[in-house]
């Protein structure tokens, strides 16, 4: 059986959009921005879709951080075994908390949120930087979509 996120969002509306946004902020590769735009194009209201995506994605980042902090001994070898994890570890070693400004990027952003937990970055720094970058990302995508007259 082939799972289709687009159908999932259309079937479950904003709840489905939130679920997809949450999952996309884990280490599972998925574009919540594309799913958000598809949901809006299918008739979901713009402002609630933006809020749901941003909140769900930020909550998932907080879960990543918590997993990194709670499972530090188990997470470090797993991060060192993957290319994106290695990159995230190098960035955190080189730039420290400031590397979290790249947490919105594909491939390295989600591992950075786990690495922040393993590195025990202060929670307020983590929340302030990561949440702001994730919310800003959704805002830029929506603005660009409106400029391109996608909906």
N, C-alpha and C. Protein backbone atom coordinates (compact mmCIF):
# COMPACT_ATOMS: atom_id res chain seq x y z
N UNK A 1 0.84 -1.18 0.00
CA UNK A 1 0.00 0.00 0.00
C UNK A 1 0.88 1.24 0.00
N UNK A 2 0.61 2.15 -0.89
CA UNK A 2 1.40 3.36 -1.03
C UNK A 2 0.72 4.50 -0.27
N UNK A 3 1.45 5.12 0.68
CA UNK A 3 0.89 6.20 1.48
C UNK A 3 1.02 7.51 0.71
N UNK A 4 -0.04 8.31 0.71
CA UNK A 4 -0.07 9.56 -0.02
C UNK A 4 -0.38 10.70 0.96
N UNK A 5 0.61 11.55 1.23
CA UNK A 5 0.43 12.65 2.19
C UNK A 5 -0.61 13.65 1.70
N UNK A 6 -0.66 13.86 0.40
CA UNK A 6 -1.64 14.80 -0.16
C UNK A 6 -3.06 14.36 0.18
N UNK A 7 -3.35 13.09 -0.05
CA UNK A 7 -4.68 12.56 0.28
C UNK A 7 -4.93 12.60 1.78
N UNK A 8 -3.89 12.35 2.57
CA UNK A 8 -4.01 12.40 4.02
C UNK A 8 -4.44 13.79 4.47
N UNK A 9 -3.80 14.82 3.93
CA UNK A 9 -4.13 16.20 4.29
C UNK A 9 -5.53 16.56 3.81
N UNK A 10 -5.89 16.14 2.61
CA UNK A 10 -7.24 16.44 2.11
C UNK A 10 -8.31 15.74 2.94
N UNK A 11 -8.02 14.53 3.39
CA UNK A 11 -8.99 13.77 4.18
C UNK A 11 -9.13 14.34 5.58
N UNK A 12 -8.02 14.69 6.21
CA UNK A 12 -8.04 15.12 7.61
C UNK A 12 -7.91 16.62 7.81
N UNK A 13 -7.84 17.39 6.75
CA UNK A 13 -7.83 18.84 6.84
C UNK A 13 -6.65 19.39 7.62
N UNK A 14 -6.94 20.33 8.51
CA UNK A 14 -5.88 20.97 9.29
C UNK A 14 -5.19 19.98 10.22
N UNK A 15 -5.92 18.98 10.73
CA UNK A 15 -5.29 17.95 11.57
C UNK A 15 -4.26 17.16 10.75
N UNK A 16 -4.62 16.84 9.54
CA UNK A 16 -3.69 16.12 8.66
C UNK A 16 -2.49 16.97 8.32
N UNK A 17 -2.74 18.27 8.10
CA UNK A 17 -1.65 19.20 7.81
C UNK A 17 -0.70 19.29 9.00
N UNK A 18 -1.26 19.35 10.20
CA UNK A 18 -0.42 19.38 11.41
C UNK A 18 0.38 18.11 11.56
N UNK A 19 -0.24 16.96 11.30
CA UNK A 19 0.48 15.69 11.39
C UNK A 19 1.62 15.62 10.39
N UNK A 20 1.36 16.06 9.17
CA UNK A 20 2.40 16.06 8.14
C UNK A 20 3.54 17.02 8.50
N UNK A 21 3.20 18.17 9.06
CA UNK A 21 4.22 19.15 9.45
C UNK A 21 5.05 18.63 10.62
N UNK A 22 4.40 17.94 11.54
CA UNK A 22 5.13 17.35 12.66
C UNK A 22 6.11 16.31 12.16
N UNK A 23 5.63 15.40 11.33
CA UNK A 23 6.47 14.31 10.83
C UNK A 23 7.63 14.86 10.00
N UNK A 24 7.38 15.92 9.25
CA UNK A 24 8.44 16.46 8.39
C UNK A 24 9.59 17.09 9.18
N UNK A 25 9.37 17.43 10.44
CA UNK A 25 10.43 18.01 11.25
C UNK A 25 11.23 16.94 11.99
N UNK A 26 10.88 15.69 11.77
CA UNK A 26 11.69 14.61 12.33
C UNK A 26 12.74 14.27 11.28
N UNK A 27 13.40 13.17 11.45
CA UNK A 27 14.44 12.79 10.50
C UNK A 27 13.87 12.09 9.26
N UNK A 28 12.54 12.14 9.11
CA UNK A 28 11.88 11.59 7.93
C UNK A 28 11.81 12.69 6.87
N UNK A 29 12.39 12.46 5.69
CA UNK A 29 12.39 13.52 4.68
C UNK A 29 11.00 13.73 4.08
N UNK A 30 10.48 14.91 4.29
CA UNK A 30 9.15 15.27 3.81
C UNK A 30 9.08 16.80 3.76
N UNK A 31 8.47 17.35 2.74
CA UNK A 31 8.38 18.80 2.61
C UNK A 31 7.03 19.29 3.13
N UNK A 32 7.04 19.79 4.35
CA UNK A 32 5.79 20.31 4.91
C UNK A 32 5.34 21.59 4.20
N UNK A 33 6.29 22.31 3.62
CA UNK A 33 5.92 23.52 2.88
C UNK A 33 5.11 23.16 1.65
N UNK A 34 5.55 22.15 0.92
CA UNK A 34 4.80 21.71 -0.27
C UNK A 34 3.43 21.19 0.12
N UNK A 35 3.37 20.46 1.23
CA UNK A 35 2.09 19.92 1.70
C UNK A 35 1.17 21.07 2.14
N UNK A 36 1.74 22.08 2.80
CA UNK A 36 0.95 23.23 3.21
C UNK A 36 0.37 23.94 1.98
N UNK A 37 1.19 24.16 0.97
CA UNK A 37 0.71 24.83 -0.24
C UNK A 37 -0.34 24.00 -0.95
N UNK A 38 -0.15 22.69 -0.98
CA UNK A 38 -1.15 21.82 -1.61
C UNK A 38 -2.47 21.87 -0.85
N UNK A 39 -2.39 21.90 0.48
CA UNK A 39 -3.60 21.99 1.29
C UNK A 39 -4.33 23.30 1.08
N UNK A 40 -3.58 24.38 1.00
CA UNK A 40 -4.19 25.69 0.76
C UNK A 40 -4.80 25.74 -0.64
N UNK A 41 -4.08 25.21 -1.60
CA UNK A 41 -4.60 25.18 -2.98
C UNK A 41 -5.88 24.33 -3.06
N UNK A 42 -5.99 23.34 -2.16
CA UNK A 42 -7.18 22.48 -2.16
C UNK A 42 -8.33 23.08 -1.35
N UNK A 43 -8.10 24.24 -0.74
CA UNK A 43 -9.19 24.91 -0.06
C UNK A 43 -9.03 25.16 1.43
N UNK A 44 -7.93 24.71 2.04
CA UNK A 44 -7.73 25.01 3.46
C UNK A 44 -7.47 26.51 3.61
N UNK A 45 -7.99 27.13 4.69
CA UNK A 45 -7.76 28.56 4.88
C UNK A 45 -6.28 28.86 5.17
N UNK A 46 -5.80 29.96 4.63
CA UNK A 46 -4.38 30.30 4.68
C UNK A 46 -3.87 30.50 6.11
N UNK A 47 -4.49 31.39 6.87
CA UNK A 47 -3.98 31.71 8.21
C UNK A 47 -3.97 30.48 9.13
N UNK A 48 -5.07 29.73 9.23
CA UNK A 48 -5.01 28.53 10.08
C UNK A 48 -3.99 27.51 9.58
N UNK A 49 -3.84 27.35 8.28
CA UNK A 49 -2.84 26.41 7.74
C UNK A 49 -1.44 26.84 8.15
N UNK A 50 -1.16 28.14 8.07
CA UNK A 50 0.15 28.67 8.48
C UNK A 50 0.40 28.39 9.96
N UNK A 51 -0.57 28.70 10.80
CA UNK A 51 -0.41 28.51 12.25
C UNK A 51 -0.24 27.03 12.59
N UNK A 52 -1.06 26.18 12.01
CA UNK A 52 -0.99 24.74 12.29
C UNK A 52 0.37 24.18 11.88
N UNK A 53 0.82 24.53 10.68
CA UNK A 53 2.12 24.04 10.21
C UNK A 53 3.25 24.53 11.10
N UNK A 54 3.23 25.81 11.44
CA UNK A 54 4.30 26.37 12.26
C UNK A 54 4.32 25.74 13.65
N UNK A 55 3.17 25.63 14.28
CA UNK A 55 3.12 25.06 15.63
C UNK A 55 3.54 23.60 15.62
N UNK A 56 3.00 22.81 14.70
CA UNK A 56 3.33 21.38 14.65
C UNK A 56 4.81 21.18 14.36
N UNK A 57 5.38 21.97 13.47
CA UNK A 57 6.78 21.84 13.13
C UNK A 57 7.67 22.23 14.31
N UNK A 58 7.29 23.27 15.01
CA UNK A 58 8.06 23.71 16.19
C UNK A 58 7.97 22.68 17.33
N UNK A 59 6.80 22.11 17.53
CA UNK A 59 6.64 21.07 18.57
C UNK A 59 7.52 19.87 18.23
N UNK A 60 7.57 19.50 16.96
CA UNK A 60 8.43 18.38 16.55
C UNK A 60 9.90 18.70 16.77
N UNK A 61 10.30 19.94 16.52
CA UNK A 61 11.69 20.34 16.79
C UNK A 61 12.00 20.25 18.28
N UNK A 62 11.05 20.63 19.11
CA UNK A 62 11.23 20.50 20.56
C UNK A 62 11.35 19.03 20.95
N UNK A 63 10.60 18.16 20.30
CA UNK A 63 10.72 16.71 20.55
C UNK A 63 12.10 16.21 20.13
N UNK A 64 12.59 16.67 18.98
CA UNK A 64 13.94 16.30 18.54
C UNK A 64 14.98 16.70 19.57
N UNK A 65 14.86 17.94 20.05
CA UNK A 65 15.78 18.44 21.07
C UNK A 65 15.72 17.56 22.32
N UNK A 66 14.51 17.25 22.75
CA UNK A 66 14.32 16.43 23.95
C UNK A 66 14.89 15.04 23.78
N UNK A 67 14.68 14.45 22.61
CA UNK A 67 15.26 13.13 22.34
C UNK A 67 16.78 13.19 22.36
N UNK A 68 17.34 14.22 21.76
CA UNK A 68 18.80 14.39 21.76
C UNK A 68 19.34 14.53 23.16
N UNK A 69 18.64 15.27 24.00
CA UNK A 69 19.10 15.48 25.38
C UNK A 69 18.92 14.22 26.23
N UNK A 70 17.77 13.58 26.09
CA UNK A 70 17.46 12.42 26.93
C UNK A 70 18.24 11.17 26.52
N UNK A 71 18.47 11.04 25.24
CA UNK A 71 19.12 9.83 24.73
C UNK A 71 20.52 10.11 24.20
N UNK A 72 21.21 11.05 24.83
CA UNK A 72 22.52 11.51 24.36
C UNK A 72 23.48 10.37 24.05
N UNK A 73 23.69 9.41 24.95
CA UNK A 73 24.65 8.34 24.64
C UNK A 73 24.26 7.52 23.41
N UNK A 74 22.98 7.33 23.18
CA UNK A 74 22.54 6.55 22.03
C UNK A 74 22.49 7.39 20.76
N UNK A 75 22.25 8.69 20.89
CA UNK A 75 22.08 9.54 19.72
C UNK A 75 23.41 9.91 19.06
N UNK A 76 24.46 10.11 19.85
CA UNK A 76 25.74 10.52 19.27
C UNK A 76 26.25 9.53 18.22
N UNK A 77 26.28 8.22 18.50
CA UNK A 77 26.75 7.29 17.45
C UNK A 77 25.86 7.30 16.21
N UNK A 78 24.55 7.46 16.40
CA UNK A 78 23.64 7.50 15.25
C UNK A 78 23.88 8.74 14.41
N UNK A 79 24.12 9.87 15.06
CA UNK A 79 24.40 11.10 14.32
C UNK A 79 25.73 10.98 13.58
N UNK A 80 26.72 10.39 14.24
CA UNK A 80 28.04 10.23 13.62
C UNK A 80 28.00 9.26 12.45
N UNK A 81 27.00 8.39 12.39
CA UNK A 81 26.89 7.40 11.32
C UNK A 81 26.24 7.95 10.05
N UNK A 82 25.55 9.08 10.14
CA UNK A 82 24.89 9.64 8.95
C UNK A 82 25.60 10.90 8.48
N UNK A 83 25.56 11.13 7.18
CA UNK A 83 26.23 12.31 6.62
C UNK A 83 25.63 13.61 7.14
N UNK A 84 24.29 13.67 7.18
CA UNK A 84 23.66 14.90 7.67
C UNK A 84 23.93 15.08 9.16
N UNK A 85 23.98 13.99 9.91
CA UNK A 85 24.31 14.06 11.33
C UNK A 85 25.73 14.53 11.55
N UNK A 86 26.66 14.02 10.75
CA UNK A 86 28.06 14.45 10.86
C UNK A 86 28.18 15.94 10.57
N UNK A 87 27.47 16.38 9.54
CA UNK A 87 27.51 17.81 9.18
C UNK A 87 26.94 18.65 10.33
N UNK A 88 25.83 18.21 10.89
CA UNK A 88 25.22 18.96 12.00
C UNK A 88 26.17 19.02 13.20
N UNK A 89 26.81 17.92 13.50
CA UNK A 89 27.78 17.90 14.61
C UNK A 89 28.93 18.86 14.36
N UNK A 90 29.46 18.86 13.12
CA UNK A 90 30.55 19.79 12.78
C UNK A 90 30.11 21.24 12.91
N UNK A 91 28.90 21.53 12.43
CA UNK A 91 28.40 22.90 12.51
C UNK A 91 28.24 23.33 13.96
N UNK A 92 27.72 22.43 14.80
CA UNK A 92 27.53 22.78 16.22
C UNK A 92 28.89 22.98 16.90
N UNK A 93 29.87 22.16 16.55
CA UNK A 93 31.21 22.32 17.13
C UNK A 93 31.85 23.63 16.67
N UNK A 94 31.64 23.97 15.42
CA UNK A 94 32.29 25.16 14.87
C UNK A 94 31.61 26.46 15.28
N UNK A 95 30.27 26.52 15.17
CA UNK A 95 29.56 27.77 15.41
C UNK A 95 28.70 27.79 16.67
N UNK A 96 28.62 26.68 17.35
CA UNK A 96 27.85 26.62 18.59
C UNK A 96 26.37 26.91 18.36
N UNK A 97 25.77 27.64 19.27
CA UNK A 97 24.34 27.93 19.21
C UNK A 97 23.94 28.65 17.93
N UNK A 98 24.87 29.40 17.34
CA UNK A 98 24.56 30.17 16.13
C UNK A 98 24.29 29.25 14.93
N UNK A 99 24.74 28.01 15.01
CA UNK A 99 24.45 27.07 13.92
C UNK A 99 22.95 26.81 13.81
N UNK A 100 22.21 27.09 14.88
CA UNK A 100 20.76 26.86 14.85
C UNK A 100 20.03 27.80 13.88
N UNK A 101 20.71 28.85 13.44
CA UNK A 101 20.10 29.71 12.42
C UNK A 101 19.96 28.96 11.09
N UNK A 102 20.64 27.83 10.97
CA UNK A 102 20.51 26.99 9.77
C UNK A 102 19.51 25.85 9.98
N UNK A 103 18.80 25.87 11.08
CA UNK A 103 17.89 24.77 11.41
C UNK A 103 16.70 24.67 10.46
N UNK A 104 16.47 25.64 9.65
CA UNK A 104 15.37 25.60 8.69
C UNK A 104 15.78 24.92 7.39
N UNK A 105 17.06 24.69 7.20
CA UNK A 105 17.56 24.12 5.95
C UNK A 105 17.19 22.65 5.80
N UNK A 106 16.97 22.21 4.57
CA UNK A 106 16.73 20.78 4.35
C UNK A 106 17.99 19.96 4.67
N UNK A 107 17.81 18.75 5.03
CA UNK A 107 18.84 17.75 5.29
C UNK A 107 19.64 17.99 6.56
N UNK A 108 20.08 19.20 6.84
CA UNK A 108 20.90 19.43 8.03
C UNK A 108 20.08 20.05 9.17
N UNK A 109 18.96 20.68 8.87
CA UNK A 109 18.19 21.38 9.89
C UNK A 109 17.63 20.48 10.97
N UNK A 110 17.02 19.38 10.58
CA UNK A 110 16.45 18.47 11.58
C UNK A 110 17.52 17.80 12.43
N UNK A 111 18.62 17.32 11.84
CA UNK A 111 19.69 16.79 12.70
C UNK A 111 20.27 17.85 13.64
N UNK A 112 20.29 19.11 13.20
CA UNK A 112 20.78 20.18 14.09
C UNK A 112 19.93 20.29 15.35
N UNK A 113 18.63 20.07 15.21
CA UNK A 113 17.76 20.17 16.39
C UNK A 113 18.03 19.02 17.37
N UNK A 114 18.41 17.86 16.86
CA UNK A 114 18.79 16.74 17.72
C UNK A 114 20.14 17.02 18.36
N UNK A 115 21.08 17.50 17.55
CA UNK A 115 22.42 17.81 18.05
C UNK A 115 22.35 18.88 19.14
N UNK A 116 21.47 19.84 18.99
CA UNK A 116 21.31 20.87 20.01
C UNK A 116 20.95 20.24 21.36
N UNK A 117 20.12 19.22 21.32
CA UNK A 117 19.78 18.51 22.56
C UNK A 117 20.96 17.75 23.12
N UNK A 118 21.72 17.08 22.25
CA UNK A 118 22.88 16.33 22.74
C UNK A 118 23.95 17.27 23.27
N UNK A 119 24.05 18.46 22.67
CA UNK A 119 25.03 19.46 23.11
C UNK A 119 24.54 20.26 24.30
N UNK A 120 23.31 20.01 24.69
CA UNK A 120 22.67 20.70 25.81
C UNK A 120 22.68 22.23 25.66
N UNK A 121 22.30 22.65 24.45
CA UNK A 121 22.11 24.08 24.20
C UNK A 121 21.00 24.55 25.12
N UNK A 122 21.12 25.74 25.65
CA UNK A 122 20.08 26.27 26.54
C UNK A 122 18.74 26.31 25.81
N UNK A 123 17.71 25.89 26.52
CA UNK A 123 16.38 25.76 25.92
C UNK A 123 15.88 27.10 25.37
N UNK A 124 16.09 28.18 26.08
CA UNK A 124 15.60 29.48 25.59
C UNK A 124 16.28 29.89 24.29
N UNK A 125 17.57 29.62 24.16
CA UNK A 125 18.26 29.89 22.90
C UNK A 125 17.69 29.02 21.79
N UNK A 126 17.51 27.75 22.11
CA UNK A 126 16.97 26.81 21.12
C UNK A 126 15.59 27.26 20.64
N UNK A 127 14.70 27.50 21.57
CA UNK A 127 13.33 27.89 21.22
C UNK A 127 13.34 29.21 20.43
N UNK A 128 14.07 30.19 20.92
CA UNK A 128 14.10 31.49 20.26
C UNK A 128 14.59 31.42 18.83
N UNK A 129 15.69 30.71 18.61
CA UNK A 129 16.27 30.67 17.26
C UNK A 129 15.51 29.71 16.35
N UNK A 130 15.34 28.47 16.80
CA UNK A 130 14.73 27.45 15.93
C UNK A 130 13.29 27.78 15.60
N UNK A 131 12.51 28.15 16.59
CA UNK A 131 11.10 28.45 16.33
C UNK A 131 10.99 29.66 15.40
N UNK A 132 11.80 30.68 15.62
CA UNK A 132 11.75 31.87 14.75
C UNK A 132 12.10 31.50 13.31
N UNK A 133 13.12 30.66 13.12
CA UNK A 133 13.53 30.29 11.77
C UNK A 133 12.46 29.44 11.08
N UNK A 134 11.84 28.53 11.82
CA UNK A 134 10.79 27.69 11.23
C UNK A 134 9.57 28.51 10.85
N UNK A 135 9.15 29.41 11.72
CA UNK A 135 7.99 30.25 11.44
C UNK A 135 8.29 31.18 10.26
N UNK A 136 9.48 31.75 10.25
CA UNK A 136 9.89 32.63 9.15
C UNK A 136 9.89 31.87 7.83
N UNK A 137 10.35 30.64 7.85
CA UNK A 137 10.37 29.82 6.63
C UNK A 137 8.97 29.68 6.05
N UNK A 138 7.98 29.36 6.89
CA UNK A 138 6.61 29.23 6.39
C UNK A 138 6.09 30.55 5.86
N UNK A 139 6.41 31.64 6.54
CA UNK A 139 5.98 32.95 6.08
C UNK A 139 6.56 33.31 4.72
N UNK A 140 7.84 33.01 4.52
CA UNK A 140 8.49 33.29 3.24
C UNK A 140 7.87 32.44 2.13
N UNK A 141 7.60 31.17 2.43
CA UNK A 141 6.98 30.29 1.43
C UNK A 141 5.59 30.81 1.04
N UNK A 142 4.80 31.21 2.02
CA UNK A 142 3.47 31.75 1.72
C UNK A 142 3.55 33.04 0.92
N UNK A 143 4.46 33.91 1.31
CA UNK A 143 4.63 35.17 0.60
C UNK A 143 5.05 34.91 -0.85
N UNK A 144 6.01 34.01 -1.04
CA UNK A 144 6.45 33.68 -2.39
C UNK A 144 5.33 33.06 -3.22
N UNK A 145 4.53 32.21 -2.58
CA UNK A 145 3.41 31.59 -3.30
C UNK A 145 2.38 32.62 -3.71
N UNK A 146 2.15 33.61 -2.85
CA UNK A 146 1.20 34.66 -3.21
C UNK A 146 1.76 35.56 -4.31
N UNK A 147 3.06 35.83 -4.27
CA UNK A 147 3.67 36.61 -5.34
C UNK A 147 3.59 35.88 -6.68
N UNK A 148 3.73 34.56 -6.62
CA UNK A 148 3.67 33.75 -7.84
C UNK A 148 2.25 33.43 -8.26
N UNK A 149 1.28 33.93 -7.49
CA UNK A 149 -0.13 33.71 -7.77
C UNK A 149 -0.49 32.22 -7.82
N UNK A 150 0.08 31.46 -6.89
CA UNK A 150 -0.24 30.03 -6.82
C UNK A 150 -1.65 29.81 -6.30
N UNK A 151 -2.10 30.70 -5.42
CA UNK A 151 -3.47 30.62 -4.93
C UNK A 151 -3.99 32.02 -4.68
